[in-house]
PDB file of all heavy atoms in Angstrom:
ATOM      1  N   VAL A   1       1.479  -4.285  -5.871  1.00  0.00           N
ATOM      2  CA  VAL A   1       2.685  -3.446  -6.094  1.00  0.00           C
ATOM      3  C   VAL A   1       2.796  -3.090  -7.542  1.00  0.00           C
ATOM      4  O   VAL A   1       2.862  -3.940  -8.413  1.00  0.00           O
ATOM      5  CB  VAL A   1       3.983  -4.181  -5.588  1.00  0.00           C
ATOM      6  CG1 VAL A   1       5.206  -3.344  -5.818  1.00  0.00           C
ATOM      7  CG2 VAL A   1       3.869  -4.570  -4.114  1.00  0.00           C
ATOM      8  N   THR A   2       2.772  -1.809  -7.840  1.00  0.00           N
ATOM      9  CA  THR A   2       2.985  -1.340  -9.148  1.00  0.00           C
ATOM     10  C   THR A   2       4.315  -0.550  -9.187  1.00  0.00           C
ATOM     11  O   THR A   2       4.995  -0.418  -8.230  1.00  0.00           O
ATOM     12  CB  THR A   2       1.843  -0.436  -9.650  1.00  0.00           C
ATOM     13  OG1 THR A   2       1.985   0.858  -9.050  1.00  0.00           O
ATOM     14  CG2 THR A   2       0.495  -1.021  -9.309  1.00  0.00           C
ATOM     15  N   ASN A   3       4.713  -0.065 -10.364  1.00  0.00           N
ATOM     16  CA  ASN A   3       5.929   0.743 -10.467  1.00  0.00           C
ATOM     17  C   ASN A   3       5.796   2.153  -9.908  1.00  0.00           C
ATOM     18  O   ASN A   3       6.708   2.938  -9.914  1.00  0.00           O
ATOM     19  CB  ASN A   3       6.412   0.781 -11.915  1.00  0.00           C
ATOM     20  CG  ASN A   3       5.354   1.422 -12.821  1.00  0.00           C
ATOM     21  OD1 ASN A   3       4.142   1.370 -12.595  1.00  0.00           O
ATOM     22  ND2 ASN A   3       5.767   2.039 -13.875  1.00  0.00           N
ATOM     23  N   GLN A   4       4.572   2.425  -9.390  1.00  0.00           N
ATOM     24  CA  GLN A   4       4.280   3.774  -8.874  1.00  0.00           C
ATOM     25  C   GLN A   4       3.813   3.803  -7.449  1.00  0.00           C
ATOM     26  O   GLN A   4       4.045   4.742  -6.713  1.00  0.00           O
ATOM     27  CB  GLN A   4       3.244   4.468  -9.719  1.00  0.00           C
ATOM     28  CG  GLN A   4       3.683   4.662 -11.179  1.00  0.00           C
ATOM     29  CD  GLN A   4       2.545   5.325 -11.987  1.00  0.00           C
ATOM     30  OE1 GLN A   4       1.515   5.712 -11.436  1.00  0.00           O
ATOM     31  NE2 GLN A   4       2.775   5.406 -13.273  1.00  0.00           N
ATOM     32  N   ARG A   5       3.192   2.691  -6.977  1.00  0.00           N
ATOM     33  CA  ARG A   5       2.594   2.709  -5.642  1.00  0.00           C
ATOM     34  C   ARG A   5       2.345   1.310  -5.130  1.00  0.00           C
ATOM     35  O   ARG A   5       2.455   0.332  -5.865  1.00  0.00           O
ATOM     36  CB  ARG A   5       1.249   3.490  -5.644  1.00  0.00           C
ATOM     37  CG  ARG A   5       0.247   2.942  -6.702  1.00  0.00           C
ATOM     38  CD  ARG A   5      -0.982   3.804  -6.784  1.00  0.00           C
ATOM     39  NE  ARG A   5      -1.799   3.350  -7.920  1.00  0.00           N
ATOM     40  CZ  ARG A   5      -3.097   3.712  -8.132  1.00  0.00           C
ATOM     41  NH1 ARG A   5      -3.660   4.492  -7.203  1.00  0.00           N
ATOM     42  NH2 ARG A   5      -3.736   3.298  -9.147  1.00  0.00           N
ATOM     43  N   ILE A   6       2.052   1.236  -3.863  1.00  0.00           N
ATOM     44  CA  ILE A   6       1.661  -0.028  -3.114  1.00  0.00           C
ATOM     45  C   ILE A   6       0.243   0.131  -2.620  1.00  0.00           C
ATOM     46  O   ILE A   6      -0.054   1.099  -1.958  1.00  0.00           O
ATOM     47  CB  ILE A   6       2.642  -0.337  -2.006  1.00  0.00           C
ATOM     48  CG1 ILE A   6       4.023  -0.516  -2.517  1.00  0.00           C
ATOM     49  CG2 ILE A   6       2.195  -1.634  -1.290  1.00  0.00           C
ATOM     50  CD1 ILE A   6       5.063  -0.673  -1.404  1.00  0.00           C
ATOM     51  N   LEU A   7      -0.616  -0.817  -2.974  1.00  0.00           N
ATOM     52  CA  LEU A   7      -2.013  -0.741  -2.532  1.00  0.00           C
ATOM     53  C   LEU A   7      -2.268  -1.904  -1.582  1.00  0.00           C
ATOM     54  O   LEU A   7      -1.939  -3.048  -1.849  1.00  0.00           O
ATOM     55  CB  LEU A   7      -2.945  -0.832  -3.740  1.00  0.00           C
ATOM     56  CG  LEU A   7      -2.812   0.221  -4.812  1.00  0.00           C
ATOM     57  CD1 LEU A   7      -3.634  -0.081  -6.013  1.00  0.00           C
ATOM     58  CD2 LEU A   7      -3.227   1.569  -4.263  1.00  0.00           C
ATOM     59  N   VAL A   8      -2.873  -1.576  -0.426  1.00  0.00           N
ATOM     60  CA  VAL A   8      -3.252  -2.601   0.574  1.00  0.00           C
ATOM     61  C   VAL A   8      -4.774  -2.489   0.837  1.00  0.00           C
ATOM     62  O   VAL A   8      -5.271  -1.464   1.356  1.00  0.00           O
ATOM     63  CB  VAL A   8      -2.498  -2.359   1.878  1.00  0.00           C
ATOM     64  CG1 VAL A   8      -2.835  -3.459   2.902  1.00  0.00           C
ATOM     65  CG2 VAL A   8      -0.990  -2.348   1.650  1.00  0.00           C
ATOM     66  N   GLU A   9      -5.470  -3.534   0.407  1.00  0.00           N
ATOM     67  CA  GLU A   9      -6.902  -3.554   0.574  1.00  0.00           C
ATOM     68  C   GLU A   9      -7.282  -4.558   1.624  1.00  0.00           C
ATOM     69  O   GLU A   9      -6.850  -5.702   1.607  1.00  0.00           O
ATOM     70  CB  GLU A   9      -7.617  -3.909  -0.767  1.00  0.00           C
ATOM     71  CG  GLU A   9      -9.103  -3.868  -0.684  1.00  0.00           C
ATOM     72  CD  GLU A   9      -9.800  -4.147  -2.021  1.00  0.00           C
ATOM     73  OE1 GLU A   9      -9.026  -4.259  -3.014  1.00  0.00           O
ATOM     74  OE2 GLU A   9     -11.029  -4.292  -2.060  1.00  0.00           O
ATOM     75  N   ARG A  10      -8.075  -4.140   2.646  1.00  0.00           N
ATOM     76  CA  ARG A  10      -8.462  -4.995   3.720  1.00  0.00           C
ATOM     77  C   ARG A  10      -9.958  -4.798   4.054  1.00  0.00           C
ATOM     78  O   ARG A  10     -10.499  -3.796   3.700  1.00  0.00           O
ATOM     79  CB  ARG A  10      -7.698  -4.674   5.010  1.00  0.00           C
ATOM     80  CG  ARG A  10      -6.160  -4.884   4.966  1.00  0.00           C
ATOM     81  CD  ARG A  10      -5.594  -4.729   6.348  1.00  0.00           C
ATOM     82  NE  ARG A  10      -4.151  -5.002   6.364  1.00  0.00           N
ATOM     83  CZ  ARG A  10      -3.190  -4.066   6.284  1.00  0.00           C
ATOM     84  NH1 ARG A  10      -3.542  -2.819   6.176  1.00  0.00           N
ATOM     85  NH2 ARG A  10      -1.900  -4.352   6.300  1.00  0.00           N
ATOM     86  N   GLY A  11     -10.511  -5.837   4.753  1.00  0.00           N
ATOM     87  CA  GLY A  11     -11.887  -5.672   5.230  1.00  0.00           C
ATOM     88  C   GLY A  11     -12.723  -6.885   4.850  1.00  0.00           C
ATOM     89  O   GLY A  11     -12.700  -7.376   3.767  1.00  0.00           O
ATOM     90  N   VAL A  12     -13.480  -7.349   5.864  1.00  0.00           N
ATOM     91  CA  VAL A  12     -14.450  -8.443   5.659  1.00  0.00           C
ATOM     92  C   VAL A  12     -15.847  -7.931   5.325  1.00  0.00           C
ATOM     93  O   VAL A  12     -16.393  -8.157   4.284  1.00  0.00           O
ATOM     94  CB  VAL A  12     -14.486  -9.347   6.927  1.00  0.00           C
ATOM     95  CG1 VAL A  12     -15.470 -10.482   6.722  1.00  0.00           C
ATOM     96  CG2 VAL A  12     -13.115  -9.915   7.226  1.00  0.00           C
ATOM     97  N   LEU A  13     -16.377  -7.143   6.245  1.00  0.00           N
ATOM     98  CA  LEU A  13     -17.686  -6.491   6.015  1.00  0.00           C
ATOM     99  C   LEU A  13     -17.506  -5.150   5.366  1.00  0.00           C
ATOM    100  O   LEU A  13     -18.145  -4.847   4.307  1.00  0.00           O
ATOM    101  CB  LEU A  13     -18.419  -6.359   7.350  1.00  0.00           C
ATOM    102  CG  LEU A  13     -18.717  -7.713   8.058  1.00  0.00           C
ATOM    103  CD1 LEU A  13     -19.454  -7.424   9.388  1.00  0.00           C
ATOM    104  CD2 LEU A  13     -19.520  -8.605   7.202  1.00  0.00           C
ATOM    105  N   SER A  14     -16.662  -4.265   5.934  1.00  0.00           N
ATOM    106  CA  SER A  14     -16.341  -3.005   5.300  1.00  0.00           C
ATOM    107  C   SER A  14     -14.947  -3.097   4.657  1.00  0.00           C
ATOM    108  O   SER A  14     -14.187  -3.976   5.075  1.00  0.00           O
ATOM    109  CB  SER A  14     -16.359  -1.936   6.344  1.00  0.00           C
ATOM    110  OG  SER A  14     -15.413  -2.127   7.347  1.00  0.00           O
ATOM    111  N   LYS A  15     -14.687  -2.253   3.706  1.00  0.00           N
ATOM    112  CA  LYS A  15     -13.387  -2.301   2.960  1.00  0.00           C
ATOM    113  C   LYS A  15     -12.625  -1.023   3.271  1.00  0.00           C
ATOM    114  O   LYS A  15     -13.124   0.016   3.400  1.00  0.00           O
ATOM    115  CB  LYS A  15     -13.620  -2.458   1.463  1.00  0.00           C
ATOM    116  CG  LYS A  15     -14.144  -3.807   1.063  1.00  0.00           C
ATOM    117  CD  LYS A  15     -13.091  -4.902   1.176  1.00  0.00           C
ATOM    118  CE  LYS A  15     -13.556  -6.198   0.625  1.00  0.00           C
ATOM    119  NZ  LYS A  15     -12.574  -7.254   0.746  1.00  0.00           N
ATOM    120  N   SER A  16     -11.278  -1.203   3.311  1.00  0.00           N
ATOM    121  CA  SER A  16     -10.351  -0.034   3.439  1.00  0.00           C
ATOM    122  C   SER A  16      -9.228  -0.202   2.428  1.00  0.00           C
ATOM    123  O   SER A  16      -8.815  -1.369   2.146  1.00  0.00           O
ATOM    124  CB  SER A  16      -9.798   0.110   4.850  1.00  0.00           C
ATOM    125  OG  SER A  16      -8.983  -0.931   5.161  1.00  0.00           O
ATOM    126  N   LEU A  17      -8.781   0.868   1.837  1.00  0.00           N
ATOM    127  CA  LEU A  17      -7.728   0.843   0.812  1.00  0.00           C
ATOM    128  C   LEU A  17      -6.672   1.824   1.228  1.00  0.00           C
ATOM    129  O   LEU A  17      -6.933   3.016   1.364  1.00  0.00           O
ATOM    130  CB  LEU A  17      -8.265   1.180  -0.556  1.00  0.00           C
ATOM    131  CG  LEU A  17      -7.246   1.163  -1.700  1.00  0.00           C
ATOM    132  CD1 LEU A  17      -6.666  -0.273  -1.890  1.00  0.00           C
ATOM    133  CD2 LEU A  17      -7.902   1.669  -2.991  1.00  0.00           C
ATOM    134  N   GLN A  18      -5.424   1.390   1.424  1.00  0.00           N
ATOM    135  CA  GLN A  18      -4.292   2.229   1.752  1.00  0.00           C
ATOM    136  C   GLN A  18      -3.375   2.247   0.562  1.00  0.00           C
ATOM    137  O   GLN A  18      -2.993   1.194   0.027  1.00  0.00           O
ATOM    138  CB  GLN A  18      -3.566   1.659   3.025  1.00  0.00           C
ATOM    139  CG  GLN A  18      -2.408   2.520   3.471  1.00  0.00           C
ATOM    140  CD  GLN A  18      -1.763   2.009   4.699  1.00  0.00           C
ATOM    141  OE1 GLN A  18      -1.965   0.849   5.098  1.00  0.00           O
ATOM    142  NE2 GLN A  18      -0.915   2.822   5.339  1.00  0.00           N
ATOM    143  N   GLU A  19      -2.936   3.469   0.221  1.00  0.00           N
ATOM    144  CA  GLU A  19      -2.096   3.664  -0.926  1.00  0.00           C
ATOM    145  C   GLU A  19      -0.764   4.310  -0.465  1.00  0.00           C
ATOM    146  O   GLU A  19      -0.779   5.267   0.259  1.00  0.00           O
ATOM    147  CB  GLU A  19      -2.778   4.535  -1.965  1.00  0.00           C
ATOM    148  CG  GLU A  19      -1.906   4.841  -3.197  1.00  0.00           C
ATOM    149  CD  GLU A  19      -2.623   5.684  -4.217  1.00  0.00           C
ATOM    150  OE1 GLU A  19      -3.859   5.595  -4.321  1.00  0.00           O
ATOM    151  OE2 GLU A  19      -1.939   6.455  -4.893  1.00  0.00           O
ATOM    152  N   ILE A  20       0.329   3.724  -0.885  1.00  0.00           N
ATOM    153  CA  ILE A  20       1.659   4.235  -0.553  1.00  0.00           C
ATOM    154  C   ILE A  20       2.359   4.601  -1.877  1.00  0.00           C
ATOM    155  O   ILE A  20       2.590   3.727  -2.703  1.00  0.00           O
ATOM    156  CB  ILE A  20       2.472   3.210   0.235  1.00  0.00           C
ATOM    157  CG1 ILE A  20       1.720   2.778   1.489  1.00  0.00           C
ATOM    158  CG2 ILE A  20       3.862   3.779   0.577  1.00  0.00           C
ATOM    159  CD1 ILE A  20       2.332   1.554   2.127  1.00  0.00           C
ATOM    160  N   ASP A  21       2.743   5.868  -1.997  1.00  0.00           N
ATOM    161  CA  ASP A  21       3.462   6.290  -3.196  1.00  0.00           C
ATOM    162  C   ASP A  21       4.909   5.795  -3.129  1.00  0.00           C
ATOM    163  O   ASP A  21       5.546   5.885  -2.101  1.00  0.00           O
ATOM    164  CB  ASP A  21       3.450   7.861  -3.269  1.00  0.00           C
ATOM    165  CG  ASP A  21       3.848   8.345  -4.612  1.00  0.00           C
ATOM    166  OD1 ASP A  21       4.908   7.956  -5.153  1.00  0.00           O
ATOM    167  OD2 ASP A  21       3.081   9.124  -5.241  1.00  0.00           O
ATOM    168  N   MET A  22       5.359   5.214  -4.205  1.00  0.00           N
ATOM    169  CA  MET A  22       6.706   4.681  -4.228  1.00  0.00           C
ATOM    170  C   MET A  22       7.771   5.739  -3.896  1.00  0.00           C
ATOM    171  O   MET A  22       8.782   5.418  -3.323  1.00  0.00           O
ATOM    172  CB  MET A  22       7.020   4.053  -5.594  1.00  0.00           C
ATOM    173  CG  MET A  22       6.488   2.637  -5.812  1.00  0.00           C
ATOM    174  SD  MET A  22       7.319   1.413  -4.796  1.00  0.00           S
ATOM    175  CE  MET A  22       6.593  -0.070  -5.390  1.00  0.00           C
ATOM    176  N   ARG A  23       7.488   6.958  -4.272  1.00  0.00           N
ATOM    177  CA  ARG A  23       8.447   8.023  -4.053  1.00  0.00           C
ATOM    178  C   ARG A  23       8.577   8.408  -2.575  1.00  0.00           C
ATOM    179  O   ARG A  23       9.506   9.082  -2.187  1.00  0.00           O
ATOM    180  CB  ARG A  23       8.061   9.259  -4.897  1.00  0.00           C
ATOM    181  CG  ARG A  23       8.074   9.019  -6.338  1.00  0.00           C
ATOM    182  CD  ARG A  23       7.520  10.137  -7.154  1.00  0.00           C
ATOM    183  NE  ARG A  23       6.099  10.314  -6.869  1.00  0.00           N
ATOM    184  CZ  ARG A  23       5.324  11.188  -7.513  1.00  0.00           C
ATOM    185  NH1 ARG A  23       5.809  11.938  -8.463  1.00  0.00           N
ATOM    186  NH2 ARG A  23       4.007  11.233  -7.222  1.00  0.00           N
ATOM    187  N   SER A  24       7.578   7.986  -1.722  1.00  0.00           N
ATOM    188  CA  SER A  24       7.653   8.325  -0.317  1.00  0.00           C
ATOM    189  C   SER A  24       8.286   7.230   0.585  1.00  0.00           C
ATOM    190  O   SER A  24       8.404   7.398   1.730  1.00  0.00           O
ATOM    191  CB  SER A  24       6.225   8.587   0.189  1.00  0.00           C
ATOM    192  OG  SER A  24       5.426   7.367   0.149  1.00  0.00           O
ATOM    193  N   ILE A  25       8.721   6.148  -0.060  1.00  0.00           N
ATOM    194  CA  ILE A  25       9.276   4.975   0.696  1.00  0.00           C
ATOM    195  C   ILE A  25      10.688   5.325   1.163  1.00  0.00           C
ATOM    196  O   ILE A  25      11.520   5.692   0.390  1.00  0.00           O
ATOM    197  CB  ILE A  25       9.295   3.725  -0.128  1.00  0.00           C
ATOM    198  CG1 ILE A  25       7.835   3.277  -0.386  1.00  0.00           C
ATOM    199  CG2 ILE A  25      10.040   2.586   0.554  1.00  0.00           C
ATOM    200  CD1 ILE A  25       7.701   2.028  -1.301  1.00  0.00           C
ATOM    201  N   ASP A  26      10.912   5.102   2.485  1.00  0.00           N
ATOM    202  CA  ASP A  26      12.190   5.391   3.068  1.00  0.00           C
ATOM    203  C   ASP A  26      13.047   4.194   3.258  1.00  0.00           C
ATOM    204  O   ASP A  26      14.244   4.142   3.102  1.00  0.00           O
ATOM    205  CB  ASP A  26      12.063   6.175   4.389  1.00  0.00           C
ATOM    206  CG  ASP A  26      11.390   7.534   4.243  1.00  0.00           C
ATOM    207  OD1 ASP A  26      11.625   8.176   3.230  1.00  0.00           O
ATOM    208  OD2 ASP A  26      10.566   7.859   5.098  1.00  0.00           O
ATOM    209  N   ASP A  27      12.370   3.031   3.679  1.00  0.00           N
ATOM    210  CA  ASP A  27      13.094   1.841   4.028  1.00  0.00           C
ATOM    211  C   ASP A  27      12.174   0.660   3.945  1.00  0.00           C
ATOM    212  O   ASP A  27      10.953   0.798   4.072  1.00  0.00           O
ATOM    213  CB  ASP A  27      13.712   1.954   5.429  1.00  0.00           C
ATOM    214  CG  ASP A  27      14.731   0.838   5.678  1.00  0.00           C
ATOM    215  OD1 ASP A  27      15.220   0.270   4.711  1.00  0.00           O
ATOM    216  OD2 ASP A  27      15.023   0.593   6.871  1.00  0.00           O
ATOM    217  N   THR A  28      12.782  -0.524   3.738  1.00  0.00           N
ATOM    218  CA  THR A  28      12.015  -1.770   3.689  1.00  0.00           C
ATOM    219  C   THR A  28      12.837  -2.843   4.425  1.00  0.00           C
ATOM    220  O   THR A  28      14.002  -2.848   4.384  1.00  0.00           O
ATOM    221  CB  THR A  28      11.698  -2.199   2.273  1.00  0.00           C
ATOM    222  OG1 THR A  28      12.960  -2.437   1.589  1.00  0.00           O
ATOM    223  CG2 THR A  28      10.885  -1.247   1.491  1.00  0.00           C
ATOM    224  N   GLU A  29      12.096  -3.743   5.064  1.00  0.00           N
ATOM    225  CA  GLU A  29      12.733  -4.864   5.698  1.00  0.00           C
ATOM    226  C   GLU A  29      11.807  -6.083   5.782  1.00  0.00           C
ATOM    227  O   GLU A  29      10.566  -5.887   5.787  1.00  0.00           O
ATOM    228  CB  GLU A  29      13.291  -4.510   7.084  1.00  0.00           C
ATOM    229  CG  GLU A  29      12.134  -4.156   8.041  1.00  0.00           C
ATOM    230  CD  GLU A  29      12.688  -3.808   9.475  1.00  0.00           C
ATOM    231  OE1 GLU A  29      13.851  -3.359   9.546  1.00  0.00           O
ATOM    232  OE2 GLU A  29      11.943  -3.966  10.417  1.00  0.00           O
ATOM    233  N   PHE A  30      12.352  -7.272   5.807  1.00  0.00           N
ATOM    234  CA  PHE A  30      11.480  -8.439   5.932  1.00  0.00           C
ATOM    235  C   PHE A  30      11.952  -9.269   7.113  1.00  0.00           C
ATOM    236  O   PHE A  30      13.114  -9.194   7.518  1.00  0.00           O
ATOM    237  CB  PHE A  30      11.449  -9.272   4.649  1.00  0.00           C
ATOM    238  CG  PHE A  30      12.717 -10.129   4.466  1.00  0.00           C
ATOM    239  CD1 PHE A  30      12.714 -11.461   4.898  1.00  0.00           C
ATOM    240  CD2 PHE A  30      13.844  -9.645   3.852  1.00  0.00           C
ATOM    241  CE1 PHE A  30      13.798 -12.300   4.755  1.00  0.00           C
ATOM    242  CE2 PHE A  30      14.980 -10.423   3.675  1.00  0.00           C
ATOM    243  CZ  PHE A  30      14.973 -11.718   4.129  1.00  0.00           C
TER     244      PHE A  30
END
């Protein structure tokens, strides 16, 4: 989590990276 975006990196054999711009966030819950 940075002050600009959220990065989610996943993968055991292959890798995927999902980027979420902080300005596009509508809601959060835990």
